[in-house]
Amino acid sequence: MKLKKIYLLVLISMFLTGCIQSTALLGPGVTIATAGNIMPAGFPYGANSAIKNETGKDAFTHLKDAVEEEQDNQKLEKKIKNLTQNTIQRIKKKLLIN
């Protein structure tokens, strides 16, 4: 019985792997059918295509990388600020001692 389940799973996965490529336009097709207008369906597809052509990444990956880069910049700014404040405090102490 367990062997039949494994065989069925492998067989189904072989047939379904070819369907993934053709479902890329399923979302815009449903939007056109429900909205009755091609503009709401075409804009996200066009925007995603433009982002992919410009950056070489899909929209989600590009957004994720931009957020991570901004977080890294904020961390760097915080480190520089702390370093500057510590340096100023050390200089003040040395000046007050002398």
Protein backbone atom coordinates (compact mmCIF):
# COMPACT_ATOMS: atom_id res chain seq x y z
CA MET A 1 0.00 0.00 0.00
CA LYS A 2 2.83 2.38 0.88
CA LEU A 3 4.56 1.64 -2.41
CA LYS A 4 1.39 2.53 -4.32
CA LYS A 5 1.22 5.91 -2.57
CA ILE A 6 4.84 6.66 -3.44
CA TYR A 7 4.28 5.59 -7.04
CA LEU A 8 1.17 7.77 -7.28
CA LEU A 9 3.02 10.74 -5.78
CA VAL A 10 5.89 10.42 -8.25
CA LEU A 11 3.49 10.06 -11.16
CA ILE A 12 1.46 13.10 -10.13
CA SER A 13 4.59 15.21 -9.60
CA MET A 14 5.85 14.32 -13.08
CA PHE A 15 2.63 15.56 -14.65
CA LEU A 16 2.29 18.68 -12.53
CA THR A 17 5.81 20.01 -13.07
CA GLY A 18 4.92 21.06 -16.61
CA CYS A 19 1.88 23.00 -15.40
CA ILE A 20 3.83 25.50 -13.34
CA GLN A 21 5.12 27.47 -16.33
CA SER A 22 1.72 27.88 -17.91
CA THR A 23 0.09 29.11 -14.69
CA ALA A 24 2.17 32.32 -14.69
CA LEU A 25 -0.54 34.09 -16.68
CA LEU A 26 -3.39 32.59 -14.67
CA GLY A 27 -3.51 35.52 -12.20
CA PRO A 28 -3.84 38.24 -14.86
CA GLY A 29 -6.35 36.10 -16.74
CA VAL A 30 -8.56 35.82 -13.67
CA THR A 31 -8.24 39.58 -13.06
CA ILE A 32 -9.34 40.32 -16.63
CA ALA A 33 -12.28 37.95 -16.27
CA THR A 34 -13.45 39.41 -12.95
CA ALA A 35 -12.73 43.10 -13.56
CA GLY A 36 -13.64 43.15 -17.22
CA ASN A 37 -10.74 45.53 -17.88
CA ILE A 38 -7.25 44.74 -19.08
CA MET A 39 -5.58 47.66 -17.26
CA PRO A 40 -5.77 46.23 -13.69
CA ALA A 41 -4.31 42.96 -14.95
CA GLY A 42 -1.66 44.44 -17.22
CA PHE A 43 -0.15 46.95 -14.81
CA PRO A 44 1.32 44.48 -12.26
CA TYR A 45 2.59 42.24 -15.04
CA GLY A 46 4.21 45.19 -16.82
CA ALA A 47 5.69 46.56 -13.60
CA ASN A 48 7.15 43.17 -12.66
CA SER A 49 8.60 42.78 -16.16
CA ALA A 50 10.16 46.25 -16.02
CA ILE A 51 11.71 45.57 -12.61
CA LYS A 52 13.07 42.23 -13.82
CA ASN A 53 14.58 43.83 -16.95
CA GLU A 54 16.12 46.71 -14.98
CA THR A 55 17.51 44.83 -11.99
CA GLY A 56 17.61 41.20 -13.08
CA LYS A 57 15.57 40.26 -10.00
CA ASP A 58 11.88 39.74 -9.47
CA ALA A 59 9.95 42.43 -7.57
CA PHE A 60 9.92 40.61 -4.22
CA THR A 61 13.65 39.87 -4.25
CA HIS A 62 14.44 43.45 -5.26
CA LEU A 63 12.29 44.81 -2.44
CA LYS A 64 13.85 42.44 0.09
CA ASP A 65 17.37 43.44 -0.97
CA ALA A 66 16.48 47.15 -0.79
CA VAL A 67 15.11 46.74 2.75
CA GLU A 68 18.18 44.79 3.88
CA GLU A 69 20.46 47.44 2.37
CA GLU A 70 18.56 50.20 4.20
CA GLN A 71 18.83 48.29 7.48
CA ASP A 72 22.57 47.87 6.93
CA ASN A 73 22.90 51.61 6.29
CA GLN A 74 21.02 52.40 9.49
CA LYS A 75 23.27 50.05 11.48
CA LEU A 76 26.35 51.67 9.98
CA GLU A 77 25.06 55.16 10.81
CA LYS A 78 24.38 54.07 14.39
CA LYS A 79 27.91 52.64 14.74
CA ILE A 80 29.44 55.85 13.38
CA LYS A 81 27.33 57.95 15.74
CA ASN A 82 28.36 55.83 18.76
CA LEU A 83 32.02 55.96 17.74
CA THR A 84 31.87 59.74 17.36
CA GLN A 85 30.16 60.20 20.73
CA ASN A 86 32.69 57.95 22.48
CA THR A 87 35.59 59.83 20.90
CA ILE A 88 34.15 63.19 21.97
CA GLN A 89 33.68 61.93 25.54
CA ARG A 90 37.28 60.66 25.71
CA ILE A 91 38.62 63.97 24.40
CA LYS A 92 36.53 65.90 26.97
CA LYS A 93 37.90 63.74 29.79
CA LYS A 94 41.49 64.26 28.64
CA LEU A 95 40.98 68.00 28.38
CA LEU A 96 39.44 68.21 31.83
CA ILE A 97 42.26 66.21 33.42
CA ASN A 98 44.97 68.49 32.02
